[in-house]
Amino acid sequence: MHPPSFAPLVAVLGLLRTFDWGTDFWFDYRDGTAMFGEQSIQYHRPLYVGEEVEISAVISDVYEKTGQNTFDVVQLAFIIKGDWDGEITMTGKQSYILFK
């Protein structure tokens, strides 16, 4: 077994490759700030070192909030499948905060 941080790291790094901030959200890192928000993960089976995974993600919601500054919240839902058996290894949700 791997430490608990192993699977969330795979989920975060994989999800960051499934979309383009500039094209999908018109967000420029040079002018704005992005923060990681909430995350929930359901484990269906262990991940193994050397296993390739397939990550599918969908943008489930985008909304604007106002506090001291105006910001957008982007919510993503994802499914991760392993290549050893094609079965789902993890499902979950993540959110990102984009300050304007």
PDB file of N, CA and C in Angstrom:
ATOM      1  N   MET A   1       0.840  -1.176   0.000  1.00  0.00           N
ATOM      2  CA  MET A   1       0.000   0.000   0.000  1.00  0.00           C
ATOM      3  C   MET A   1       0.888   1.243   0.000  1.00  0.00           C
ATOM      4  N   HIS A   2       0.319   2.316  -0.506  1.00  0.00           N
ATOM      5  CA  HIS A   2       1.029   3.581  -0.568  1.00  0.00           C
ATOM      6  C   HIS A   2       0.467   4.526   0.484  1.00  0.00           C
ATOM      7  N   PRO A   3       1.238   5.534   0.835  1.00  0.00           N
ATOM      8  CA  PRO A   3       0.726   6.498   1.819  1.00  0.00           C
ATOM      9  C   PRO A   3      -0.535   7.180   1.287  1.00  0.00           C
ATOM     10  N   PRO A   4      -1.391   7.685   2.182  1.00  0.00           N
ATOM     11  CA  PRO A   4      -2.640   8.312   1.757  1.00  0.00           C
ATOM     12  C   PRO A   4      -2.465   9.466   0.780  1.00  0.00           C
ATOM     13  N   SER A   5      -1.303  10.122   0.765  1.00  0.00           N
ATOM     14  CA  SER A   5      -1.100  11.264  -0.125  1.00  0.00           C
ATOM     15  C   SER A   5      -0.832  10.851  -1.568  1.00  0.00           C
ATOM     16  N   PHE A   6      -0.553   9.593  -1.816  1.00  0.00           N
ATOM     17  CA  PHE A   6      -0.187   9.143  -3.150  1.00  0.00           C
ATOM     18  C   PHE A   6      -1.334   9.323  -4.151  1.00  0.00           C
ATOM     19  N   ALA A   7      -2.514   8.825  -3.843  1.00  0.00           N
ATOM     20  CA  ALA A   7      -3.640   8.896  -4.776  1.00  0.00           C
ATOM     21  C   ALA A   7      -4.125  10.324  -5.021  1.00  0.00           C
ATOM     22  N   PRO A   8      -4.285  11.172  -3.998  1.00  0.00           N
ATOM     23  CA  PRO A   8      -4.689  12.551  -4.289  1.00  0.00           C
ATOM     24  C   PRO A   8      -3.696  13.291  -5.167  1.00  0.00           C
ATOM     25  N   LEU A   9      -2.410  13.011  -5.008  1.00  0.00           N
ATOM     26  CA  LEU A   9      -1.410  13.644  -5.859  1.00  0.00           C
ATOM     27  C   LEU A   9      -1.632  13.240  -7.311  1.00  0.00           C
ATOM     28  N   VAL A  10      -1.881  11.972  -7.557  1.00  0.00           N
ATOM     29  CA  VAL A  10      -2.172  11.499  -8.921  1.00  0.00           C
ATOM     30  C   VAL A  10      -3.405  12.218  -9.459  1.00  0.00           C
ATOM     31  N   ALA A  11      -4.440  12.336  -8.640  1.00  0.00           N
ATOM     32  CA  ALA A  11      -5.674  12.990  -9.078  1.00  0.00           C
ATOM     33  C   ALA A  11      -5.433  14.454  -9.438  1.00  0.00           C
ATOM     34  N   VAL A  12      -4.738  15.196  -8.592  1.00  0.00           N
ATOM     35  CA  VAL A  12      -4.503  16.615  -8.842  1.00  0.00           C
ATOM     36  C   VAL A  12      -3.633  16.811 -10.079  1.00  0.00           C
ATOM     37  N   LEU A  13      -2.515  16.124 -10.158  1.00  0.00           N
ATOM     38  CA  LEU A  13      -1.619  16.303 -11.305  1.00  0.00           C
ATOM     39  C   LEU A  13      -2.287  15.872 -12.602  1.00  0.00           C
ATOM     40  N   GLY A  14      -3.032  14.795 -12.546  1.00  0.00           N
ATOM     41  CA  GLY A  14      -3.731  14.332 -13.743  1.00  0.00           C
ATOM     42  C   GLY A  14      -4.803  15.299 -14.194  1.00  0.00           C
ATOM     43  N   LEU A  15      -5.569  15.800 -13.264  1.00  0.00           N
ATOM     44  CA  LEU A  15      -6.638  16.730 -13.623  1.00  0.00           C
ATOM     45  C   LEU A  15      -6.098  18.023 -14.214  1.00  0.00           C
ATOM     46  N   LEU A  16      -4.970  18.487 -13.706  1.00  0.00           N
ATOM     47  CA  LEU A  16      -4.395  19.715 -14.238  1.00  0.00           C
ATOM     48  C   LEU A  16      -4.005  19.569 -15.706  1.00  0.00           C
ATOM     49  N   ARG A  17      -3.855  18.346 -16.173  1.00  0.00           N
ATOM     50  CA  ARG A  17      -3.516  18.110 -17.580  1.00  0.00           C
ATOM     51  C   ARG A  17      -4.740  17.904 -18.466  1.00  0.00           C
ATOM     52  N   THR A  18      -5.941  17.845 -17.878  1.00  0.00           N
ATOM     53  CA  THR A  18      -7.132  17.578 -18.669  1.00  0.00           C
ATOM     54  C   THR A  18      -7.786  18.842 -19.210  1.00  0.00           C
ATOM     55  N   PHE A  19      -7.341  20.002 -18.770  1.00  0.00           N
ATOM     56  CA  PHE A  19      -7.911  21.240 -19.282  1.00  0.00           C
ATOM     57  C   PHE A  19      -6.828  22.296 -19.386  1.00  0.00           C
ATOM     58  N   ASP A  20      -7.152  23.376 -20.087  1.00  0.00           N
ATOM     59  CA  ASP A  20      -6.232  24.495 -20.277  1.00  0.00           C
ATOM     60  C   ASP A  20      -6.870  25.733 -19.651  1.00  0.00           C
ATOM     61  N   TRP A  21      -6.195  26.314 -18.655  1.00  0.00           N
ATOM     62  CA  TRP A  21      -6.776  27.462 -17.960  1.00  0.00           C
ATOM     63  C   TRP A  21      -7.106  28.599 -18.923  1.00  0.00           C
ATOM     64  N   GLY A  22      -6.215  28.892 -19.841  1.00  0.00           N
ATOM     65  CA  GLY A  22      -6.432  30.012 -20.761  1.00  0.00           C
ATOM     66  C   GLY A  22      -7.570  29.770 -21.719  1.00  0.00           C
ATOM     67  N   THR A  23      -7.595  28.626 -22.364  1.00  0.00           N
ATOM     68  CA  THR A  23      -8.620  28.309 -23.352  1.00  0.00           C
ATOM     69  C   THR A  23      -9.971  28.020 -22.711  1.00  0.00           C
ATOM     70  N   ASP A  24      -9.976  27.208 -21.663  1.00  0.00           N
ATOM     71  CA  ASP A  24     -11.230  26.776 -21.061  1.00  0.00           C
ATOM     72  C   ASP A  24     -11.855  27.806 -20.121  1.00  0.00           C
ATOM     73  N   PHE A  25     -11.028  28.609 -19.454  1.00  0.00           N
ATOM     74  CA  PHE A  25     -11.547  29.534 -18.449  1.00  0.00           C
ATOM     75  C   PHE A  25     -11.145  30.989 -18.691  1.00  0.00           C
ATOM     76  N   TRP A  26     -10.422  31.266 -19.760  1.00  0.00           N
ATOM     77  CA  TRP A  26      -9.935  32.624 -20.047  1.00  0.00           C
ATOM     78  C   TRP A  26      -9.173  33.167 -18.846  1.00  0.00           C
ATOM     79  N   PHE A  27      -8.350  32.319 -18.269  1.00  0.00           N
ATOM     80  CA  PHE A  27      -7.608  32.675 -17.060  1.00  0.00           C
ATOM     81  C   PHE A  27      -6.125  32.710 -17.377  1.00  0.00           C
ATOM     82  N   ASP A  28      -5.462  33.795 -17.000  1.00  0.00           N
ATOM     83  CA  ASP A  28      -4.038  33.973 -17.258  1.00  0.00           C
ATOM     84  C   ASP A  28      -3.291  33.985 -15.921  1.00  0.00           C
ATOM     85  N   TYR A  29      -2.403  33.022 -15.717  1.00  0.00           N
ATOM     86  CA  TYR A  29      -1.643  32.935 -14.468  1.00  0.00           C
ATOM     87  C   TYR A  29      -0.801  34.180 -14.218  1.00  0.00           C
ATOM     88  N   ARG A  30      -0.420  34.900 -15.269  1.00  0.00           N
ATOM     89  CA  ARG A  30       0.411  36.092 -15.072  1.00  0.00           C
ATOM     90  C   ARG A  30      -0.375  37.222 -14.415  1.00  0.00           C
ATOM     91  N   ASP A  31      -1.692  37.262 -14.633  1.00  0.00           N
ATOM     92  CA  ASP A  31      -2.518  38.341 -14.100  1.00  0.00           C
ATOM     93  C   ASP A  31      -3.378  37.924 -12.910  1.00  0.00           C
ATOM     94  N   GLY A  32      -3.612  36.645 -12.746  1.00  0.00           N
ATOM     95  CA  GLY A  32      -4.515  36.179 -11.704  1.00  0.00           C
ATOM     96  C   GLY A  32      -3.855  35.149 -10.812  1.00  0.00           C
ATOM     97  N   THR A  33      -4.582  34.743  -9.813  1.00  0.00           N
ATOM     98  CA  THR A  33      -4.083  33.749  -8.875  1.00  0.00           C
ATOM     99  C   THR A  33      -5.090  32.613  -8.798  1.00  0.00           C
ATOM    100  N   ALA A  34      -4.607  31.391  -8.828  1.00  0.00           N
ATOM    101  CA  ALA A  34      -5.464  30.220  -8.671  1.00  0.00           C
ATOM    102  C   ALA A  34      -5.075  29.509  -7.385  1.00  0.00           C
ATOM    103  N   MET A  35      -6.089  29.022  -6.682  1.00  0.00           N
ATOM    104  CA  MET A  35      -5.858  28.260  -5.461  1.00  0.00           C
ATOM    105  C   MET A  35      -6.646  26.964  -5.550  1.00  0.00           C
ATOM    106  N   PHE A  36      -6.100  25.958  -4.934  1.00  0.00           N
ATOM    107  CA  PHE A  36      -6.804  24.690  -4.824  1.00  0.00           C
ATOM    108  C   PHE A  36      -7.875  24.845  -3.757  1.00  0.00           C
ATOM    109  N   GLY A  37      -9.091  24.383  -4.038  1.00  0.00           N
ATOM    110  CA  GLY A  37     -10.184  24.483  -3.084  1.00  0.00           C
ATOM    111  C   GLY A  37     -10.404  23.166  -2.366  1.00  0.00           C
ATOM    112  N   GLU A  38     -11.621  22.693  -2.391  1.00  0.00           N
ATOM    113  CA  GLU A  38     -11.972  21.442  -1.712  1.00  0.00           C
ATOM    114  C   GLU A  38     -11.698  20.238  -2.604  1.00  0.00           C
ATOM    115  N   GLN A  39     -11.589  19.094  -1.963  1.00  0.00           N
ATOM    116  CA  GLN A  39     -11.363  17.843  -2.690  1.00  0.00           C
ATOM    117  C   GLN A  39     -12.048  16.711  -1.937  1.00  0.00           C
ATOM    118  N   SER A  40     -12.701  15.837  -2.671  1.00  0.00           N
ATOM    119  CA  SER A  40     -13.222  14.606  -2.078  1.00  0.00           C
ATOM    120  C   SER A  40     -12.906  13.466  -3.038  1.00  0.00           C
ATOM    121  N   ILE A  41     -12.430  12.369  -2.483  1.00  0.00           N
ATOM    122  CA  ILE A  41     -12.027  11.222  -3.290  1.00  0.00           C
ATOM    123  C   ILE A  41     -12.621   9.954  -2.696  1.00  0.00           C
ATOM    124  N   GLN A  42     -13.156   9.116  -3.567  1.00  0.00           N
ATOM    125  CA  GLN A  42     -13.618   7.798  -3.162  1.00  0.00           C
ATOM    126  C   GLN A  42     -12.673   6.785  -3.797  1.00  0.00           C
ATOM    127  N   TYR A  43     -12.070   5.950  -2.972  1.00  0.00           N
ATOM    128  CA  TYR A  43     -11.132   4.939  -3.448  1.00  0.00           C
ATOM    129  C   TYR A  43     -11.890   3.643  -3.725  1.00  0.00           C
ATOM    130  N   HIS A  44     -11.661   3.082  -4.907  1.00  0.00           N
ATOM    131  CA  HIS A  44     -12.335   1.840  -5.287  1.00  0.00           C
ATOM    132  C   HIS A  44     -11.382   0.648  -5.264  1.00  0.00           C
ATOM    133  N   ARG A  45     -10.111   0.917  -5.446  1.00  0.00           N
ATOM    134  CA  ARG A  45      -9.063  -0.094  -5.301  1.00  0.00           C
ATOM    135  C   ARG A  45      -7.729   0.628  -5.237  1.00  0.00           C
ATOM    136  N   PRO A  46      -6.670  -0.013  -4.757  1.00  0.00           N
ATOM    137  CA  PRO A  46      -5.361   0.661  -4.661  1.00  0.00           C
ATOM    138  C   PRO A  46      -4.764   0.983  -6.036  1.00  0.00           C
ATOM    139  N   LEU A  47      -3.944   2.014  -6.069  1.00  0.00           N
ATOM    140  CA  LEU A  47      -3.099   2.307  -7.227  1.00  0.00           C
ATOM    141  C   LEU A  47      -1.752   1.650  -6.978  1.00  0.00           C
ATOM    142  N   TYR A  48      -1.069   1.261  -8.060  1.00  0.00           N
ATOM    143  CA  TYR A  48       0.210   0.584  -7.922  1.00  0.00           C
ATOM    144  C   TYR A  48       1.295   1.337  -8.680  1.00  0.00           C
ATOM    145  N   VAL A  49       2.495   1.335  -8.144  1.00  0.00           N
ATOM    146  CA  VAL A  49       3.627   1.970  -8.808  1.00  0.00           C
ATOM    147  C   VAL A  49       3.818   1.306 -10.166  1.00  0.00           C
ATOM    148  N   GLY A  50       3.991   2.114 -11.200  1.00  0.00           N
ATOM    149  CA  GLY A  50       4.182   1.602 -12.552  1.00  0.00           C
ATOM    150  C   GLY A  50       2.885   1.450 -13.336  1.00  0.00           C
ATOM    151  N   GLU A  51       1.760   1.565 -12.662  1.00  0.00           N
ATOM    152  CA  GLU A  51       0.468   1.444 -13.342  1.00  0.00           C
ATOM    153  C   GLU A  51       0.147   2.749 -14.059  1.00  0.00           C
ATOM    154  N   GLU A  52      -0.300   2.642 -15.304  1.00  0.00           N
ATOM    155  CA  GLU A  52      -0.761   3.811 -16.030  1.00  0.00           C
ATOM    156  C   GLU A  52      -2.243   3.985 -15.748  1.00  0.00           C
ATOM    157  N   VAL A  53      -2.677   5.234 -15.649  1.00  0.00           N
ATOM    158  CA  VAL A  53      -4.076   5.506 -15.370  1.00  0.00           C
ATOM    159  C   VAL A  53      -4.669   6.390 -16.455  1.00  0.00           C
ATOM    160  N   GLU A  54      -5.961   6.272 -16.623  1.00  0.00           N
ATOM    161  CA  GLU A  54      -6.718   7.112 -17.549  1.00  0.00           C
ATOM    162  C   GLU A  54      -7.605   8.011 -16.705  1.00  0.00           C
ATOM    163  N   ILE A  55      -7.493   9.320 -16.909  1.00  0.00           N
ATOM    164  CA  ILE A  55      -8.241  10.274 -16.114  1.00  0.00           C
ATOM    165  C   ILE A  55      -9.239  10.991 -17.014  1.00  0.00           C
ATOM    166  N   SER A  56     -10.499  10.946 -16.620  1.00  0.00           N
ATOM    167  CA  SER A  56     -11.566  11.669 -17.313  1.00  0.00           C
ATOM    168  C   SER A  56     -12.137  12.680 -16.335  1.00  0.00           C
ATOM    169  N   ALA A  57     -12.313  13.902 -16.804  1.00  0.00           N
ATOM    170  CA  ALA A  57     -12.842  14.944 -15.936  1.00  0.00           C
ATOM    171  C   ALA A  57     -13.899  15.749 -16.677  1.00  0.00           C
ATOM    172  N   VAL A  58     -14.850  16.254 -15.925  1.00  0.00           N
ATOM    173  CA  VAL A  58     -15.880  17.125 -16.479  1.00  0.00           C
ATOM    174  C   VAL A  58     -16.008  18.338 -15.561  1.00  0.00           C
ATOM    175  N   ILE A  59     -16.184  19.491 -16.151  1.00  0.00           N
ATOM    176  CA  ILE A  59     -16.430  20.697 -15.373  1.00  0.00           C
ATOM    177  C   ILE A  59     -17.898  20.636 -14.960  1.00  0.00           C
ATOM    178  N   SER A  60     -18.141  20.466 -13.669  1.00  0.00           N
ATOM    179  CA  SER A  60     -19.510  20.283 -13.201  1.00  0.00           C
ATOM    180  C   SER A  60     -20.203  21.596 -12.832  1.00  0.00           C
ATOM    181  N   ASP A  61     -19.422  22.639 -12.546  1.00  0.00           N
ATOM    182  CA  ASP A  61     -20.030  23.930 -12.215  1.00  0.00           C
ATOM    183  C   ASP A  61     -18.958  25.010 -12.231  1.00  0.00           C
ATOM    184  N   VAL A  62     -19.350  26.217 -12.590  1.00  0.00           N
ATOM    185  CA  VAL A  62     -18.514  27.411 -12.485  1.00  0.00           C
ATOM    186  C   VAL A  62     -19.427  28.517 -11.972  1.00  0.00           C
ATOM    187  N   TYR A  63     -19.017  29.177 -10.904  1.00  0.00           N
ATOM    188  CA  TYR A  63     -19.828  30.271 -10.398  1.00  0.00           C
ATOM    189  C   TYR A  63     -18.925  31.351  -9.810  1.00  0.00           C
ATOM    190  N   GLU A  64     -19.469  32.560  -9.735  1.00  0.00           N
ATOM    191  CA  GLU A  64     -18.733  33.708  -9.221  1.00  0.00           C
ATOM    192  C   GLU A  64     -19.153  33.985  -7.783  1.00  0.00           C
ATOM    193  N   LYS A  65     -18.184  34.346  -6.949  1.00  0.00           N
ATOM    194  CA  LYS A  65     -18.460  34.731  -5.561  1.00  0.00           C
ATOM    195  C   LYS A  65     -17.784  36.072  -5.298  1.00  0.00           C
ATOM    196  N   THR A  66     -18.340  36.776  -4.363  1.00  0.00           N
ATOM    197  CA  THR A  66     -17.771  38.068  -3.999  1.00  0.00           C
ATOM    198  C   THR A  66     -17.499  38.093  -2.500  1.00  0.00           C
ATOM    199  N   GLY A  67     -16.282  38.452  -2.163  1.00  0.00           N
ATOM    200  CA  GLY A  67     -15.876  38.658  -0.776  1.00  0.00           C
ATOM    201  C   GLY A  67     -15.138  39.971  -0.764  1.00  0.00           C
ATOM    202  N   GLN A  68     -13.920  39.974  -0.224  1.00  0.00           N
ATOM    203  CA  GLN A  68     -13.078  41.166  -0.344  1.00  0.00           C
ATOM    204  C   GLN A  68     -12.731  41.382  -1.814  1.00  0.00           C
ATOM    205  N   ASN A  69     -12.592  40.277  -2.546  1.00  0.00           N
ATOM    206  CA  ASN A  69     -12.338  40.315  -3.985  1.00  0.00           C
ATOM    207  C   ASN A  69     -13.350  39.414  -4.676  1.00  0.00           C
ATOM    208  N   THR A  70     -13.549  39.661  -5.969  1.00  0.00           N
ATOM    209  CA  THR A  70     -14.415  38.791  -6.764  1.00  0.00           C
ATOM    210  C   THR A  70     -13.581  37.628  -7.268  1.00  0.00           C
ATOM    211  N   PHE A  71     -14.141  36.431  -7.208  1.00  0.00           N
ATOM    212  CA  PHE A  71     -13.436  35.254  -7.693  1.00  0.00           C
ATOM    213  C   PHE A  71     -14.425  34.243  -8.259  1.00  0.00           C
ATOM    214  N   ASP A  72     -13.910  33.375  -9.109  1.00  0.00           N
ATOM    215  CA  ASP A  72     -14.696  32.292  -9.676  1.00  0.00           C
ATOM    216  C   ASP A  72     -14.326  30.995  -8.981  1.00  0.00           C
ATOM    217  N   VAL A  73     -15.293  30.121  -8.831  1.00  0.00           N
ATOM    218  CA  VAL A  73     -15.057  28.779  -8.316  1.00  0.00           C
ATOM    219  C   VAL A  73     -15.359  27.808  -9.449  1.00  0.00           C
ATOM    220  N   VAL A  74     -14.395  26.963  -9.763  1.00  0.00           N
ATOM    221  CA  VAL A  74     -14.547  25.952 -10.801  1.00  0.00           C
ATOM    222  C   VAL A  74     -14.586  24.594 -10.119  1.00  0.00           C
ATOM    223  N   GLN A  75     -15.653  23.842 -10.351  1.00  0.00           N
ATOM    224  CA  GLN A  75     -15.774  22.519  -9.766  1.00  0.00           C
ATOM    225  C   GLN A  75     -15.634  21.458 -10.851  1.00  0.00           C
ATOM    226  N   LEU A  76     -14.824  20.444 -10.564  1.00  0.00           N
ATOM    227  CA  LEU A  76     -14.569  19.354 -11.495  1.00  0.00           C
ATOM    228  C   LEU A  76     -14.955  18.031 -10.847  1.00  0.00           C
ATOM    229  N   ALA A  77     -15.500  17.134 -11.653  1.00  0.00           N
ATOM    230  CA  ALA A  77     -15.743  15.761 -11.206  1.00  0.00           C
ATOM    231  C   ALA A  77     -14.843  14.873 -12.059  1.00  0.00           C
ATOM    232  N   PHE A  78     -14.278  13.811 -11.464  1.00  0.00           N
ATOM    233  CA  PHE A  78     -13.343  12.979 -12.221  1.00  0.00           C
ATOM    234  C   PHE A  78     -13.528  11.498 -11.930  1.00  0.00           C
ATOM    235  N   ILE A  79     -13.052  10.720 -12.893  1.00  0.00           N
ATOM    236  CA  ILE A  79     -12.993   9.258 -12.791  1.00  0.00           C
ATOM    237  C   ILE A  79     -11.591   8.845 -13.213  1.00  0.00           C
ATOM    238  N   ILE A  80     -10.956   7.977 -12.441  1.00  0.00           N
ATOM    239  CA  ILE A  80      -9.626   7.467 -12.778  1.00  0.00           C
ATOM    240  C   ILE A  80      -9.716   5.954 -12.897  1.00  0.00           C
ATOM    241  N   LYS A  81      -9.268   5.447 -14.057  1.00  0.00           N
ATOM    242  CA  LYS A  81      -9.268   4.002 -14.298  1.00  0.00           C
ATOM    243  C   LYS A  81      -7.838   3.510 -14.413  1.00  0.00           C
ATOM    244  N   GLY A  82      -7.588   2.307 -13.924  1.00  0.00           N
ATOM    245  CA  GLY A  82      -6.272   1.692 -14.018  1.00  0.00           C
ATOM    246  C   GLY A  82      -6.139   0.883 -15.290  1.00  0.00           C
ATOM    247  N   ASP A  83      -4.910   0.740 -15.778  1.00  0.00           N
ATOM    248  CA  ASP A  83      -4.694  -0.013 -17.014  1.00  0.00           C
ATOM    249  C   ASP A  83      -4.574  -1.516 -16.777  1.00  0.00           C
ATOM    250  N   TRP A  84      -4.371  -1.935 -15.541  1.00  0.00           N
ATOM    251  CA  TRP A  84      -4.187  -3.363 -15.279  1.00  0.00           C
ATOM    252  C   TRP A  84      -5.473  -4.139 -15.463  1.00  0.00           C
ATOM    253  N   ASP A  85      -6.600  -3.526 -15.075  1.00  0.00           N
ATOM    254  CA  ASP A  85      -7.866  -4.243 -15.183  1.00  0.00           C
ATOM    255  C   ASP A  85      -8.971  -3.396 -15.814  1.00  0.00           C
ATOM    256  N   GLY A  86      -8.674  -2.141 -16.153  1.00  0.00           N
ATOM    257  CA  GLY A  86      -9.672  -1.262 -16.745  1.00  0.00           C
ATOM    258  C   GLY A  86     -10.753  -0.828 -15.770  1.00  0.00           C
ATOM    259  N   GLU A  87     -10.601  -1.189 -14.513  1.00  0.00           N
ATOM    260  CA  GLU A  87     -11.597  -0.853 -13.494  1.00  0.00           C
ATOM    261  C   GLU A  87     -11.347   0.544 -12.939  1.00  0.00           C
ATOM    262  N   ILE A  88     -12.371   1.127 -12.384  1.00  0.00           N
ATOM    263  CA  ILE A  88     -12.260   2.437 -11.759  1.00  0.00           C
ATOM    264  C   ILE A  88     -11.450   2.306 -10.470  1.00  0.00           C
ATOM    265  N   THR A  89     -10.430   3.145 -10.343  1.00  0.00           N
ATOM    266  CA  THR A  89      -9.616   3.150  -9.126  1.00  0.00           C
ATOM    267  C   THR A  89     -10.061   4.233  -8.152  1.00  0.00           C
ATOM    268  N   MET A  90     -10.492   5.393  -8.693  1.00  0.00           N
ATOM    269  CA  MET A  90     -10.927   6.509  -7.865  1.00  0.00           C
ATOM    270  C   MET A  90     -11.985   7.309  -8.600  1.00  0.00           C
ATOM    271  N   THR A  91     -12.872   7.918  -7.851  1.00  0.00           N
ATOM    272  CA  THR A  91     -13.774   8.943  -8.351  1.00  0.00           C
ATOM    273  C   THR A  91     -13.729  10.079  -7.352  1.00  0.00           C
ATOM    274  N   GLY A  92     -14.098  11.255  -7.801  1.00  0.00           N
ATOM    275  CA  GLY A  92     -14.087  12.352  -6.852  1.00  0.00           C
ATOM    276  C   GLY A  92     -14.436  13.679  -7.462  1.00  0.00           C
ATOM    277  N   LYS A  93     -14.259  14.712  -6.643  1.00  0.00           N
ATOM    278  CA  LYS A  93     -14.534  16.090  -7.037  1.00  0.00           C
ATOM    279  C   LYS A  93     -13.427  16.977  -6.495  1.00  0.00           C
ATOM    280  N   GLN A  94     -13.128  18.022  -7.239  1.00  0.00           N
ATOM    281  CA  GLN A  94     -12.159  19.021  -6.799  1.00  0.00           C
ATOM    282  C   GLN A  94     -12.669  20.387  -7.204  1.00  0.00           C
ATOM    283  N   SER A  95     -12.269  21.409  -6.464  1.00  0.00           N
ATOM    284  CA  SER A  95     -12.631  22.764  -6.848  1.00  0.00           C
ATOM    285  C   SER A  95     -11.371  23.630  -6.849  1.00  0.00           C
ATOM    286  N   TYR A  96     -11.404  24.628  -7.706  1.00  0.00           N
ATOM    287  CA  TYR A  96     -10.310  25.582  -7.828  1.00  0.00           C
ATOM    288  C   TYR A  96     -10.906  26.987  -7.713  1.00  0.00           C
ATOM    289  N   ILE A  97     -10.161  27.875  -7.068  1.00  0.00           N
ATOM    290  CA  ILE A  97     -10.590  29.249  -6.894  1.00  0.00           C
ATOM    291  C   ILE A  97      -9.713  30.116  -7.780  1.00  0.00           C
ATOM    292  N   LEU A  98     -10.352  30.889  -8.647  1.00  0.00           N
ATOM    293  CA  LEU A  98      -9.641  31.753  -9.594  1.00  0.00           C
ATOM    294  C   LEU A  98      -9.917  33.210  -9.239  1.00  0.00           C
ATOM    295  N   PHE A  99      -8.913  33.889  -8.691  1.00  0.00           N
ATOM    296  CA  PHE A  99      -9.071  35.302  -8.342  1.00  0.00           C
ATOM    297  C   PHE A  99      -8.884  36.142  -9.584  1.00  0.00           C
ATOM    298  N   LYS A 100      -9.730  37.114  -9.744  1.00  0.00           N
ATOM    299  CA  LYS A 100      -9.700  37.968 -10.946  1.00  0.00           C
ATOM    300  C   LYS A 100      -8.815  39.175 -10.714  1.00  0.00           C
TER     301      LYS A 100
END
